[in-house]
Amino acid sequence: MSPGLRVLLISLLLAAHGSAQQHQPNERYTFTCGGNLTGETGVLGSEGFPGVYPPNSKCTWKITVPEGKVVVLSFRFIDLENDNLCRYDFVDVYNGHANGQRIGRFCGTFRPGALVSNSNKMLVQMVSDANTAGNGFIAMFSAAEPNERGDQYCGGRLDKPSGTFKTPNWPDRDYPAGVTCSWHIVAPKHQVIEVKFEKFDVERDNYCRYDYVSVFNGGEMNDAKRIGKFCGDSPPAPIVSEKNELLIQFLSDLSLTADGFIGHYKFRPKRLLTTTSSPVTTTAPTTANLKPTVSLCQQSVREVAAWRAITVQVTLSLLARL
């Protein structure tokens, strides 16, 4: 076990010690390879966590929360073999249980922000190759109310020669929390797609972890084909696809929101274009002019109590091995 992990778990134990005396867990949490998880809240972790996960494994968790709600997944700790394209050991998160849209792929020790499904179902899959290199992950899921306004729905297939896409509520008010929008733009063969953002204001973060816009060549979310990941209040430079398909994904977590964006696209003959946008990530300096939303303040007491109990239990188990 790495010294960093030991320090982390000891710190969590000390922080949760007071609450643990009032809420003792009734059973030991054993993390197995995959499973079906249901209810308002729950915990999942890599097989054997906090021990090193096994090699050559593929584990799938199917999460289901009550009808009419969405799944919010928060990684508390992640330590997988690191690779820029997450080709070896990784965790995939999907909307739905089968043939769903991939929300993201993660590896290394970089912990993403909250991930929100577009329905009451989410699938989490962890894959490891022959060589392992970490303690795996632990995450908590919870049920949340979807945005109740009709304008929460966004995204879709765009195949007209030109058009516009924008965040929900634009331009009247901030985009809502907990929204995932994907626009799949498809041009005729031998044409490419040019995209320009007219206005742009998405919650700022140096690594665009929380609310962001990602643009991909092709029709799938594939890090190897990602043109850029953007946030902050500076519009990205004009983007041109390599071929005749482009995917634009917008995601907002359950905390801070902002004005949003409006963008325009049009088809162009491929022969007239000689360059494409290079991969870039837009970052922005931090600012004090950020406002919390109601969603951030409505974290359930049950979720906090459950997580504290699990933290104490996992930590005590690990400390007993030292």
Protein backbone atom coordinates (compact mmCIF):
# COMPACT_ATOMS: atom_id res chain seq x y z
CA MET A 1 0.00 0.00 0.00
CA SER A 2 1.34 3.40 -0.93
CA PRO A 3 2.10 5.96 1.80
CA GLY A 4 -0.29 8.38 0.14
CA LEU A 5 -3.21 5.99 0.43
CA ARG A 6 -2.36 5.22 4.04
CA VAL A 7 -2.33 8.93 4.94
CA LEU A 8 -5.61 9.48 3.10
CA LEU A 9 -7.43 6.69 4.89
CA ILE A 10 -6.07 7.64 8.30
CA SER A 11 -7.23 11.22 7.72
CA LEU A 12 -10.68 10.00 6.75
CA LEU A 13 -10.84 7.87 9.87
CA LEU A 14 -10.01 10.82 12.12
CA ALA A 15 -12.52 13.05 10.35
CA ALA A 16 -15.32 10.52 10.68
CA HIS A 17 -14.48 9.25 14.16
CA GLY A 18 -17.04 11.36 15.99
CA SER A 19 -19.92 10.34 13.76
CA ALA A 20 -18.88 6.71 13.78
CA GLN A 21 -19.57 6.48 17.49
CA GLN A 22 -23.20 7.35 16.82
CA HIS A 23 -23.64 5.28 13.65
CA GLN A 24 -21.86 1.93 13.79
CA PRO A 25 -22.08 -0.17 10.61
CA ASN A 26 -24.03 -3.41 10.96
CA GLU A 27 -22.10 -5.33 8.33
CA ARG A 28 -18.75 -5.43 6.61
CA TYR A 29 -18.61 -4.06 3.10
CA THR A 30 -17.02 -6.53 0.72
CA PHE A 31 -16.28 -5.24 -2.76
CA THR A 32 -16.74 -7.92 -5.40
CA CYS A 33 -16.46 -7.93 -9.19
CA GLY A 34 -19.61 -6.20 -10.36
CA GLY A 35 -23.25 -6.61 -9.38
CA ASN A 36 -26.72 -5.08 -9.49
CA LEU A 37 -27.14 -2.06 -7.21
CA THR A 38 -30.54 -0.54 -6.45
CA GLY A 39 -31.97 2.07 -4.11
CA GLU A 40 -31.63 5.75 -3.30
CA THR A 41 -27.94 5.52 -2.46
CA GLY A 42 -25.14 3.00 -2.35
CA VAL A 43 -21.43 2.29 -2.68
CA LEU A 44 -19.39 0.38 -5.22
CA GLY A 45 -15.69 -0.36 -5.37
CA SER A 46 -13.14 -2.36 -7.28
CA GLU A 47 -12.75 -6.00 -6.35
CA GLY A 48 -10.87 -6.35 -3.07
CA PHE A 49 -10.67 -2.60 -2.38
CA PRO A 50 -8.62 -1.20 -0.65
CA GLY A 51 -6.29 -3.99 -1.72
CA VAL A 52 -4.74 -4.12 -5.19
CA TYR A 53 -7.33 -5.09 -7.80
CA PRO A 54 -6.77 -8.37 -9.69
CA PRO A 55 -5.33 -8.53 -13.23
CA ASN A 56 -7.19 -9.60 -16.38
CA SER A 57 -10.61 -8.74 -15.01
CA LYS A 58 -13.77 -7.13 -16.35
CA CYS A 59 -16.34 -6.11 -13.74
CA THR A 60 -19.74 -4.56 -14.46
CA TRP A 61 -22.05 -2.79 -12.02
CA LYS A 62 -25.63 -1.96 -13.03
CA ILE A 63 -27.08 0.86 -10.95
CA THR A 64 -30.82 1.48 -10.76
CA VAL A 65 -32.47 4.25 -8.75
CA PRO A 66 -36.25 4.86 -8.44
CA GLU A 67 -38.20 5.70 -11.58
CA GLY A 68 -38.32 9.39 -12.41
CA LYS A 69 -34.91 10.11 -10.87
CA VAL A 70 -31.36 10.21 -12.25
CA VAL A 71 -28.15 8.60 -11.02
CA VAL A 72 -25.35 10.75 -9.62
CA LEU A 73 -21.99 8.97 -9.33
CA SER A 74 -19.18 10.48 -7.26
CA PHE A 75 -15.72 8.91 -7.16
CA ARG A 76 -14.24 9.19 -3.66
CA PHE A 77 -10.90 7.60 -4.56
CA ILE A 78 -9.35 6.30 -7.76
CA ASP A 79 -5.94 4.71 -8.34
CA LEU A 80 -5.59 2.78 -11.60
CA GLU A 81 -2.70 2.24 -14.01
CA ASN A 82 -2.06 5.59 -15.65
CA ASP A 83 -2.09 6.10 -19.41
CA ASN A 84 -2.93 9.22 -21.44
CA LEU A 85 -5.59 7.32 -23.41
CA CYS A 86 -6.63 4.94 -20.57
CA ARG A 87 -5.88 1.91 -22.76
CA TYR A 88 -4.86 -0.62 -20.09
CA ASP A 89 -6.75 -0.34 -16.80
CA PHE A 90 -9.80 1.93 -16.78
CA VAL A 91 -13.33 2.59 -15.54
CA ASP A 92 -16.08 3.33 -18.09
CA VAL A 93 -19.38 4.98 -17.10
CA TYR A 94 -22.45 4.70 -19.35
CA ASN A 95 -26.00 5.99 -19.50
CA GLY A 96 -28.44 3.09 -19.17
CA HIS A 97 -27.65 -0.61 -18.80
CA ALA A 98 -27.15 -1.71 -22.41
CA ASN A 99 -25.84 0.04 -25.52
CA GLY A 100 -25.85 3.30 -23.62
CA GLN A 101 -23.90 6.43 -24.36
CA ARG A 102 -20.52 6.52 -22.62
CA ILE A 103 -20.30 9.41 -20.18
CA GLY A 104 -16.58 9.03 -19.58
CA ARG A 105 -13.50 6.80 -19.24
CA PHE A 106 -11.12 7.27 -16.29
CA CYS A 107 -7.76 5.96 -15.10
CA GLY A 108 -4.71 7.09 -13.12
CA THR A 109 -5.38 9.05 -9.94
CA PHE A 110 -7.30 12.00 -11.39
CA ARG A 111 -10.74 12.07 -9.73
CA PRO A 112 -13.52 13.40 -11.98
CA GLY A 113 -16.40 15.52 -10.80
CA ALA A 114 -19.90 14.11 -10.26
CA LEU A 115 -21.28 12.16 -13.22
CA VAL A 116 -25.01 12.37 -13.92
CA SER A 117 -27.06 9.93 -16.02
CA ASN A 118 -29.97 10.95 -18.20
CA SER A 119 -32.27 8.29 -16.71
CA ASN A 120 -32.62 6.16 -13.59
CA LYS A 121 -30.02 3.67 -14.85
CA MET A 122 -26.24 3.77 -15.10
CA LEU A 123 -23.60 1.17 -15.91
CA VAL A 124 -20.06 1.19 -14.50
CA GLN A 125 -17.44 -1.14 -15.93
CA MET A 126 -13.83 -1.63 -14.81
CA VAL A 127 -11.30 -3.42 -17.01
CA SER A 128 -7.75 -4.41 -16.05
CA ASP A 129 -5.00 -5.95 -18.17
CA ALA A 130 -2.29 -8.43 -17.17
CA ASN A 131 -0.35 -5.83 -15.18
CA THR A 132 -2.09 -4.01 -12.35
CA ALA A 133 -0.83 -0.83 -10.81
CA GLY A 134 -3.07 0.50 -8.06
CA ASN A 135 -5.67 0.09 -5.34
CA GLY A 136 -8.67 0.56 -7.63
CA PHE A 137 -11.57 2.84 -6.83
CA ILE A 138 -14.45 3.49 -4.51
CA ALA A 139 -17.50 5.52 -5.51
CA MET A 140 -20.92 6.44 -4.15
CA PHE A 141 -24.12 6.70 -6.14
CA SER A 142 -27.30 8.52 -5.19
CA ALA A 143 -30.67 9.33 -6.70
CA ALA A 144 -31.45 12.92 -7.63
CA GLU A 145 -34.45 14.73 -9.02
CA PRO A 146 -34.05 15.54 -12.71
CA ASN A 147 -34.66 19.07 -13.82
CA GLU A 148 -38.44 19.38 -13.94
CA ARG A 149 -38.66 22.02 -16.66
CA GLY A 150 -39.41 20.89 -20.17
CA ASP A 151 -36.35 22.68 -21.51
CA GLN A 152 -34.00 20.24 -19.79
CA TYR A 153 -34.03 18.14 -22.94
CA CYS A 154 -31.21 18.92 -25.31
CA GLY A 155 -28.96 17.32 -27.85
CA GLY A 156 -29.89 15.09 -30.77
CA ARG A 157 -28.90 14.50 -34.37
CA LEU A 158 -28.23 17.56 -36.55
CA ASP A 159 -28.03 16.91 -40.28
CA LYS A 160 -29.16 20.14 -41.94
CA PRO A 161 -26.53 22.20 -43.82
CA SER A 162 -26.39 24.72 -40.95
CA GLY A 163 -27.91 25.16 -37.53
CA THR A 164 -27.63 26.22 -33.92
CA PHE A 165 -27.19 24.38 -30.62
CA LYS A 166 -27.40 25.84 -27.11
CA THR A 167 -27.65 24.96 -23.44
CA PRO A 168 -31.05 24.57 -21.79
CA ASN A 169 -32.56 27.90 -20.61
CA TRP A 170 -30.40 29.98 -22.98
CA PRO A 171 -30.50 32.99 -22.95
CA ASP A 172 -33.07 33.59 -20.20
CA ARG A 173 -31.24 32.06 -17.25
CA ASP A 174 -28.39 29.76 -16.22
CA TYR A 175 -28.30 26.21 -17.50
CA PRO A 176 -29.66 23.70 -14.94
CA ALA A 177 -27.52 21.40 -12.81
CA GLY A 178 -27.33 17.70 -13.59
CA VAL A 179 -27.73 17.84 -17.37
CA THR A 180 -26.01 15.88 -20.14
CA CYS A 181 -26.48 17.01 -23.76
CA SER A 182 -24.96 15.38 -26.83
CA TRP A 183 -25.28 16.80 -30.34
CA HIS A 184 -24.31 14.43 -33.14
CA ILE A 185 -23.70 16.49 -36.28
CA VAL A 186 -23.63 14.53 -39.54
CA ALA A 187 -22.73 16.06 -42.91
CA PRO A 188 -22.82 14.39 -46.35
CA LYS A 189 -19.73 12.46 -47.36
CA HIS A 190 -16.83 14.57 -48.67
CA GLN A 191 -17.95 17.49 -46.48
CA VAL A 192 -16.71 18.64 -43.10
CA ILE A 193 -18.29 20.56 -40.24
CA GLU A 194 -17.27 23.97 -38.99
CA VAL A 195 -18.37 24.99 -35.47
CA LYS A 196 -18.22 28.44 -33.89
CA PHE A 197 -19.31 29.43 -30.38
CA GLU A 198 -20.97 32.85 -30.31
CA LYS A 199 -21.28 33.15 -26.52
CA PHE A 200 -19.70 30.88 -23.94
CA ASP A 201 -19.87 30.79 -20.13
CA VAL A 202 -19.43 27.42 -18.40
CA GLU A 203 -18.39 26.89 -14.78
CA ARG A 204 -14.67 27.48 -14.67
CA ASP A 205 -12.11 25.02 -13.36
CA ASN A 206 -8.45 24.68 -14.24
CA TYR A 207 -9.01 21.12 -15.49
CA CYS A 208 -12.66 21.47 -16.66
CA ARG A 209 -13.68 18.65 -14.29
CA TYR A 210 -17.20 19.72 -13.35
CA ASP A 211 -19.14 21.47 -16.14
CA TYR A 212 -17.61 21.28 -19.60
CA VAL A 213 -18.02 20.95 -23.35
CA SER A 214 -16.11 18.21 -25.16
CA VAL A 215 -15.85 18.00 -28.95
CA PHE A 216 -14.97 14.75 -30.74
CA ASN A 217 -14.22 13.79 -34.32
CA GLY A 218 -16.66 11.07 -35.33
CA GLY A 219 -19.88 10.05 -33.61
CA GLU A 220 -18.56 8.55 -30.36
CA MET A 221 -16.91 9.80 -27.21
CA ASN A 222 -13.37 8.58 -27.71
CA ASP A 223 -10.47 10.34 -25.98
CA ALA A 224 -8.20 9.53 -28.92
CA LYS A 225 -10.52 11.56 -31.17
CA ARG A 226 -11.22 14.42 -28.80
CA ILE A 227 -10.52 17.82 -30.33
CA GLY A 228 -10.85 19.73 -27.07
CA LYS A 229 -12.46 20.07 -23.66
CA PHE A 230 -13.66 23.56 -22.77
CA CYS A 231 -14.95 25.56 -19.81
CA GLY A 232 -14.66 29.11 -18.43
CA ASP A 233 -15.93 32.26 -20.12
CA SER A 234 -13.74 32.46 -23.24
CA PRO A 235 -15.31 30.99 -26.41
CA PRO A 236 -13.23 28.20 -27.99
CA ALA A 237 -11.58 28.95 -31.31
CA PRO A 238 -13.51 27.79 -34.41
CA ILE A 239 -13.43 24.01 -34.79
CA VAL A 240 -13.35 22.01 -38.04
CA SER A 241 -13.99 18.26 -38.16
CA GLU A 242 -11.62 15.85 -39.91
CA LYS A 243 -14.46 14.02 -41.67
CA ASN A 244 -18.22 14.34 -41.92
CA GLU A 245 -19.17 13.61 -38.31
CA LEU A 246 -18.74 15.59 -35.10
CA LEU A 247 -19.96 14.97 -31.55
CA ILE A 248 -20.43 17.81 -29.07
CA GLN A 249 -21.08 16.85 -25.44
CA PHE A 250 -22.09 19.23 -22.66
CA LEU A 251 -22.20 18.08 -19.04
CA SER A 252 -23.12 19.94 -15.87
CA ASP A 253 -22.76 18.42 -12.41
CA LEU A 254 -25.00 19.09 -9.41
CA SER A 255 -23.23 22.14 -8.04
CA LEU A 256 -22.38 25.46 -9.69
CA THR A 257 -23.95 26.64 -12.95
CA ALA A 258 -23.42 29.58 -15.32
CA ASP A 259 -24.95 31.37 -18.32
CA GLY A 260 -24.20 28.58 -20.79
CA PHE A 261 -23.50 28.91 -24.50
CA ILE A 262 -24.86 29.16 -28.00
CA GLY A 263 -22.99 27.77 -30.98
CA HIS A 264 -23.47 27.52 -34.72
CA TYR A 265 -22.38 24.94 -37.26
CA LYS A 266 -22.31 24.67 -41.03
CA PHE A 267 -21.16 22.17 -43.62
CA ARG A 268 -18.24 23.00 -45.88
CA PRO A 269 -16.63 21.18 -48.82
CA LYS A 270 -13.59 19.34 -47.53
CA ARG A 271 -11.34 20.50 -50.37
CA LEU A 272 -11.62 24.15 -49.25
CA LEU A 273 -10.18 23.44 -45.80
CA THR A 274 -6.55 22.70 -45.20
CA THR A 275 -6.27 22.80 -41.41
CA THR A 276 -8.13 21.51 -38.40
CA SER A 277 -8.14 22.64 -34.81
CA SER A 278 -5.41 21.15 -32.67
CA PRO A 279 -6.34 19.48 -29.36
CA VAL A 280 -6.71 22.10 -26.65
CA THR A 281 -8.17 22.44 -23.20
CA THR A 282 -9.54 25.81 -22.19
CA THR A 283 -8.67 26.82 -18.67
CA ALA A 284 -9.62 29.88 -16.72
CA PRO A 285 -8.36 31.56 -13.54
CA THR A 286 -10.39 31.02 -10.42
CA THR A 287 -12.80 33.67 -9.30
CA ALA A 288 -14.77 34.51 -6.21
CA ASN A 289 -17.92 35.31 -8.20
CA LEU A 290 -19.25 31.79 -8.07
CA LYS A 291 -22.65 31.00 -6.61
CA PRO A 292 -23.93 27.78 -5.05
CA THR A 293 -27.17 26.28 -6.28
CA VAL A 294 -29.93 24.61 -4.37
CA SER A 295 -28.81 21.21 -5.62
CA LEU A 296 -25.47 21.48 -3.82
CA CYS A 297 -27.18 22.24 -0.52
CA GLN A 298 -29.64 19.36 -0.70
CA GLN A 299 -27.24 16.48 -0.11
CA SER A 300 -29.15 13.85 1.87
CA VAL A 301 -28.27 13.07 5.48
CA ARG A 302 -28.53 9.39 4.67
CA GLU A 303 -25.77 9.65 2.08
CA VAL A 304 -23.41 11.41 4.49
CA ALA A 305 -24.08 8.92 7.29
CA ALA A 306 -23.65 5.93 4.99
CA TRP A 307 -20.36 7.23 3.58
CA ARG A 308 -18.94 7.95 7.04
CA ALA A 309 -19.79 4.44 8.21
CA ILE A 310 -18.18 2.89 5.14
CA THR A 311 -15.09 5.10 5.47
CA VAL A 312 -14.54 4.03 9.07
CA GLN A 313 -15.03 0.38 8.24
CA VAL A 314 -12.71 0.28 5.23
CA THR A 315 -10.08 2.31 7.07
CA LEU A 316 -10.14 0.14 10.18
CA SER A 317 -9.79 -2.93 7.99
CA LEU A 318 -6.80 -1.43 6.22
CA LEU A 319 -5.12 -0.19 9.40
CA ALA A 320 -5.41 -3.68 10.88
CA ARG A 321 -3.09 -4.88 8.10
CA LEU A 322 -0.36 -2.31 8.80
